[in-house]
Amino acid sequence: MDINIKTTHFDADKKLIDFVKNKVNKLDKYFEGIIRSEVVLNFDKSKAKFTENKEAKIRIEIPGNDLYAEKEATSFEEAVDLTIEALEKQVKKYKSKL
């Protein structure tokens, strides 16, 4: 699977990028037909005074459809975890319809 990671308003370190790639690759165990995924990590400066100012948006391309989820949390790791959980549910639902 091809994974494209974009960051806005900050530079991600290698540890965070590896974490994201590892989590996204785990979606393959639910459905092997995933073509590509696009991950956008955003640090929302307008919400800097709030704790949930880190956002993860993930879109995965599968044959005939795209699945998408986005979540906000206090850390990028937590936001990615929540987003992956939402996508796992969508992938399982999509696979059961096949």
N, C-alpha and C. Protein backbone atom coordinates (compact mmCIF):
# COMPACT_ATOMS: atom_id res chain seq x y z
N MET A 1 0.85 -1.17 0.00
CA MET A 1 0.00 0.00 0.00
C MET A 1 0.90 1.24 0.00
N ASP A 2 0.51 2.21 -0.80
CA ASP A 2 1.22 3.48 -0.87
C ASP A 2 0.65 4.42 0.19
N ILE A 3 1.52 4.95 1.05
CA ILE A 3 1.08 5.85 2.13
C ILE A 3 1.70 7.22 1.91
N ASN A 4 0.86 8.23 1.81
CA ASN A 4 1.31 9.61 1.64
C ASN A 4 0.96 10.39 2.91
N ILE A 5 1.97 10.97 3.55
CA ILE A 5 1.74 11.70 4.80
C ILE A 5 2.06 13.18 4.58
N LYS A 6 1.09 14.02 4.93
CA LYS A 6 1.28 15.47 4.84
C LYS A 6 1.09 16.06 6.23
N THR A 7 1.86 17.09 6.54
CA THR A 7 1.70 17.79 7.81
C THR A 7 1.48 19.27 7.53
N THR A 8 0.65 19.88 8.35
CA THR A 8 0.43 21.32 8.21
C THR A 8 0.70 22.00 9.54
N HIS A 9 1.39 23.10 9.48
CA HIS A 9 1.73 23.94 10.62
C HIS A 9 2.75 23.33 11.58
N PHE A 10 3.44 22.26 11.16
CA PHE A 10 4.52 21.69 11.96
C PHE A 10 5.29 20.70 11.11
N ASP A 11 6.47 20.31 11.57
CA ASP A 11 7.28 19.28 10.90
C ASP A 11 7.28 18.03 11.77
N ALA A 12 6.86 16.93 11.18
CA ALA A 12 6.78 15.66 11.91
C ALA A 12 8.17 15.02 11.98
N ASP A 13 8.46 14.44 13.13
CA ASP A 13 9.73 13.73 13.25
C ASP A 13 9.57 12.29 12.74
N LYS A 14 10.70 11.62 12.59
CA LYS A 14 10.70 10.26 12.03
C LYS A 14 9.88 9.30 12.89
N LYS A 15 9.92 9.48 14.20
CA LYS A 15 9.18 8.60 15.11
C LYS A 15 7.68 8.68 14.84
N LEU A 16 7.16 9.88 14.66
CA LEU A 16 5.74 10.06 14.38
C LEU A 16 5.36 9.48 13.02
N ILE A 17 6.19 9.71 12.03
CA ILE A 17 5.92 9.18 10.68
C ILE A 17 5.92 7.66 10.69
N ASP A 18 6.88 7.07 11.38
CA ASP A 18 6.92 5.60 11.49
C ASP A 18 5.69 5.07 12.22
N PHE A 19 5.26 5.76 13.26
CA PHE A 19 4.06 5.37 14.01
C PHE A 19 2.84 5.36 13.09
N VAL A 20 2.69 6.43 12.31
CA VAL A 20 1.54 6.55 11.41
C VAL A 20 1.57 5.44 10.36
N LYS A 21 2.72 5.21 9.75
CA LYS A 21 2.84 4.17 8.73
C LYS A 21 2.50 2.80 9.31
N ASN A 22 2.98 2.52 10.51
CA ASN A 22 2.71 1.24 11.16
C ASN A 22 1.22 1.05 11.39
N LYS A 23 0.54 2.08 11.88
CA LYS A 23 -0.89 1.99 12.14
C LYS A 23 -1.70 1.82 10.85
N VAL A 24 -1.36 2.59 9.83
CA VAL A 24 -2.10 2.51 8.57
C VAL A 24 -1.89 1.15 7.92
N ASN A 25 -0.68 0.62 7.99
CA ASN A 25 -0.41 -0.70 7.40
C ASN A 25 -1.21 -1.81 8.07
N LYS A 26 -1.62 -1.62 9.32
CA LYS A 26 -2.42 -2.63 10.01
C LYS A 26 -3.81 -2.78 9.41
N LEU A 27 -4.26 -1.79 8.65
CA LEU A 27 -5.57 -1.90 8.00
C LEU A 27 -5.58 -3.00 6.93
N ASP A 28 -4.38 -3.37 6.44
CA ASP A 28 -4.28 -4.43 5.44
C ASP A 28 -4.79 -5.77 5.95
N LYS A 29 -4.74 -5.99 7.27
CA LYS A 29 -5.20 -7.28 7.79
C LYS A 29 -6.72 -7.41 7.71
N TYR A 30 -7.43 -6.29 7.57
CA TYR A 30 -8.89 -6.32 7.44
C TYR A 30 -9.34 -6.38 5.99
N PHE A 31 -8.55 -5.78 5.11
CA PHE A 31 -8.91 -5.78 3.69
C PHE A 31 -7.64 -5.56 2.87
N GLU A 32 -7.29 -6.56 2.05
CA GLU A 32 -6.04 -6.50 1.32
C GLU A 32 -6.11 -5.67 0.04
N GLY A 33 -7.30 -5.18 -0.31
CA GLY A 33 -7.46 -4.45 -1.56
C GLY A 33 -7.22 -2.96 -1.45
N ILE A 34 -6.62 -2.50 -0.35
CA ILE A 34 -6.37 -1.07 -0.19
C ILE A 34 -5.26 -0.66 -1.16
N ILE A 35 -5.57 0.34 -1.96
CA ILE A 35 -4.63 0.80 -2.98
C ILE A 35 -3.65 1.82 -2.42
N ARG A 36 -4.20 2.82 -1.77
CA ARG A 36 -3.38 3.94 -1.32
C ARG A 36 -4.04 4.60 -0.13
N SER A 37 -3.25 5.27 0.67
CA SER A 37 -3.82 6.04 1.78
C SER A 37 -3.14 7.40 1.85
N GLU A 38 -3.93 8.38 2.24
CA GLU A 38 -3.42 9.72 2.41
C GLU A 38 -3.71 10.17 3.83
N VAL A 39 -2.66 10.57 4.54
CA VAL A 39 -2.78 10.98 5.93
C VAL A 39 -2.41 12.46 6.02
N VAL A 40 -3.26 13.24 6.66
CA VAL A 40 -2.98 14.65 6.90
C VAL A 40 -2.98 14.87 8.40
N LEU A 41 -1.86 15.34 8.91
CA LEU A 41 -1.74 15.68 10.32
C LEU A 41 -1.71 17.20 10.42
N ASN A 42 -2.60 17.74 11.24
CA ASN A 42 -2.74 19.19 11.30
C ASN A 42 -2.67 19.65 12.75
N PHE A 43 -1.82 20.65 12.98
CA PHE A 43 -1.78 21.32 14.28
C PHE A 43 -2.58 22.59 14.14
N ASP A 44 -3.74 22.64 14.80
CA ASP A 44 -4.65 23.77 14.65
C ASP A 44 -4.24 24.89 15.59
N LYS A 45 -3.59 25.90 15.04
CA LYS A 45 -3.09 27.01 15.85
C LYS A 45 -4.22 27.83 16.45
N SER A 46 -5.36 27.87 15.80
CA SER A 46 -6.48 28.64 16.33
C SER A 46 -7.04 28.02 17.61
N LYS A 47 -6.76 26.74 17.81
CA LYS A 47 -7.22 26.05 19.02
C LYS A 47 -6.07 25.80 19.99
N ALA A 48 -5.02 26.61 19.90
CA ALA A 48 -3.83 26.38 20.71
C ALA A 48 -4.12 26.41 22.21
N LYS A 49 -5.14 27.14 22.63
CA LYS A 49 -5.47 27.21 24.05
C LYS A 49 -6.27 26.00 24.52
N PHE A 50 -6.81 25.25 23.57
CA PHE A 50 -7.57 24.04 23.91
C PHE A 50 -6.64 22.84 23.89
N THR A 51 -7.04 21.79 24.57
CA THR A 51 -6.18 20.61 24.62
C THR A 51 -6.27 19.77 23.35
N GLU A 52 -7.44 19.72 22.73
CA GLU A 52 -7.61 18.89 21.53
C GLU A 52 -7.36 19.74 20.28
N ASN A 53 -6.09 20.03 20.02
CA ASN A 53 -5.75 20.87 18.88
C ASN A 53 -4.92 20.13 17.83
N LYS A 54 -4.82 18.82 17.98
CA LYS A 54 -4.08 18.02 17.00
C LYS A 54 -5.07 17.13 16.26
N GLU A 55 -4.99 17.15 14.95
CA GLU A 55 -6.01 16.53 14.11
C GLU A 55 -5.37 15.55 13.14
N ALA A 56 -6.00 14.41 12.96
CA ALA A 56 -5.57 13.41 11.98
C ALA A 56 -6.72 13.15 11.02
N LYS A 57 -6.41 13.24 9.72
CA LYS A 57 -7.39 12.93 8.69
C LYS A 57 -6.78 11.84 7.81
N ILE A 58 -7.51 10.77 7.62
CA ILE A 58 -7.01 9.65 6.81
C ILE A 58 -8.05 9.26 5.78
N ARG A 59 -7.61 9.18 4.53
CA ARG A 59 -8.45 8.70 3.43
C ARG A 59 -7.75 7.49 2.83
N ILE A 60 -8.49 6.40 2.73
CA ILE A 60 -7.93 5.21 2.08
C ILE A 60 -8.72 4.93 0.81
N GLU A 61 -7.99 4.60 -0.23
CA GLU A 61 -8.61 4.28 -1.52
C GLU A 61 -8.71 2.76 -1.65
N ILE A 62 -9.92 2.30 -1.92
CA ILE A 62 -10.16 0.89 -2.19
C ILE A 62 -10.90 0.81 -3.51
N PRO A 63 -10.87 -0.32 -4.17
CA PRO A 63 -11.53 -0.41 -5.47
C PRO A 63 -12.99 0.03 -5.42
N GLY A 64 -13.31 1.05 -6.19
CA GLY A 64 -14.69 1.51 -6.30
C GLY A 64 -15.15 2.45 -5.21
N ASN A 65 -14.27 2.81 -4.27
CA ASN A 65 -14.73 3.63 -3.16
C ASN A 65 -13.54 4.24 -2.43
N ASP A 66 -13.80 5.28 -1.64
CA ASP A 66 -12.83 5.84 -0.71
C ASP A 66 -13.47 5.83 0.67
N LEU A 67 -12.67 5.54 1.67
CA LEU A 67 -13.13 5.61 3.05
C LEU A 67 -12.36 6.73 3.74
N TYR A 68 -13.04 7.48 4.62
CA TYR A 68 -12.44 8.66 5.21
C TYR A 68 -12.85 8.79 6.68
N ALA A 69 -11.89 9.23 7.48
CA ALA A 69 -12.19 9.53 8.88
C ALA A 69 -11.25 10.62 9.36
N GLU A 70 -11.74 11.41 10.31
CA GLU A 70 -10.89 12.43 10.93
C GLU A 70 -11.26 12.55 12.40
N LYS A 71 -10.24 12.75 13.21
CA LYS A 71 -10.44 12.87 14.66
C LYS A 71 -9.47 13.91 15.20
N GLU A 72 -9.87 14.51 16.34
CA GLU A 72 -9.01 15.45 17.05
C GLU A 72 -8.70 14.88 18.42
N ALA A 73 -7.50 15.18 18.92
CA ALA A 73 -7.10 14.69 20.24
C ALA A 73 -6.00 15.58 20.81
N THR A 74 -5.51 15.19 21.97
CA THR A 74 -4.46 15.98 22.62
C THR A 74 -3.07 15.69 22.06
N SER A 75 -2.92 14.54 21.40
CA SER A 75 -1.64 14.20 20.76
C SER A 75 -1.92 13.62 19.38
N PHE A 76 -0.91 13.67 18.53
CA PHE A 76 -1.08 13.12 17.19
C PHE A 76 -1.25 11.61 17.25
N GLU A 77 -0.55 10.96 18.15
CA GLU A 77 -0.67 9.50 18.26
C GLU A 77 -2.09 9.10 18.63
N GLU A 78 -2.67 9.81 19.58
CA GLU A 78 -4.04 9.50 19.99
C GLU A 78 -5.03 9.78 18.85
N ALA A 79 -4.81 10.88 18.14
CA ALA A 79 -5.70 11.22 17.02
C ALA A 79 -5.61 10.15 15.93
N VAL A 80 -4.40 9.67 15.64
CA VAL A 80 -4.23 8.63 14.63
C VAL A 80 -4.89 7.34 15.09
N ASP A 81 -4.73 6.97 16.36
CA ASP A 81 -5.37 5.77 16.89
C ASP A 81 -6.88 5.83 16.74
N LEU A 82 -7.47 6.95 17.11
CA LEU A 82 -8.93 7.10 17.01
C LEU A 82 -9.39 7.04 15.56
N THR A 83 -8.63 7.65 14.68
CA THR A 83 -8.98 7.65 13.25
C THR A 83 -8.88 6.24 12.67
N ILE A 84 -7.84 5.52 13.03
CA ILE A 84 -7.67 4.14 12.55
C ILE A 84 -8.80 3.25 13.06
N GLU A 85 -9.22 3.44 14.30
CA GLU A 85 -10.35 2.67 14.84
C GLU A 85 -11.61 2.91 14.01
N ALA A 86 -11.85 4.17 13.66
CA ALA A 86 -13.03 4.49 12.85
C ALA A 86 -12.93 3.86 11.47
N LEU A 87 -11.73 3.87 10.89
CA LEU A 87 -11.54 3.28 9.57
C LEU A 87 -11.65 1.76 9.61
N GLU A 88 -11.20 1.14 10.70
CA GLU A 88 -11.34 -0.31 10.84
C GLU A 88 -12.81 -0.70 10.75
N LYS A 89 -13.67 0.03 11.43
CA LYS A 89 -15.10 -0.26 11.38
C LYS A 89 -15.63 -0.10 9.96
N GLN A 90 -15.21 0.96 9.28
CA GLN A 90 -15.68 1.19 7.91
C GLN A 90 -15.20 0.09 6.97
N VAL A 91 -13.94 -0.33 7.12
CA VAL A 91 -13.38 -1.38 6.26
C VAL A 91 -14.11 -2.69 6.49
N LYS A 92 -14.35 -3.03 7.75
CA LYS A 92 -15.06 -4.28 8.06
C LYS A 92 -16.48 -4.25 7.47
N LYS A 93 -17.14 -3.13 7.59
CA LYS A 93 -18.49 -2.99 7.04
C LYS A 93 -18.47 -3.12 5.53
N TYR A 94 -17.49 -2.46 4.89
CA TYR A 94 -17.37 -2.51 3.44
C TYR A 94 -17.10 -3.96 2.98
N LYS A 95 -16.20 -4.65 3.69
CA LYS A 95 -15.84 -6.01 3.31
C LYS A 95 -17.03 -6.95 3.48
N SER A 96 -17.85 -6.73 4.52
CA SER A 96 -19.00 -7.61 4.74
C SER A 96 -20.05 -7.44 3.63
N LYS A 97 -20.09 -6.25 3.01
CA LYS A 97 -21.04 -6.02 1.91
C LYS A 97 -20.61 -6.72 0.63
N LEU A 98 -19.31 -7.01 0.52
CA LEU A 98 -18.83 -7.70 -0.70
C LEU A 98 -19.28 -9.10 -0.71
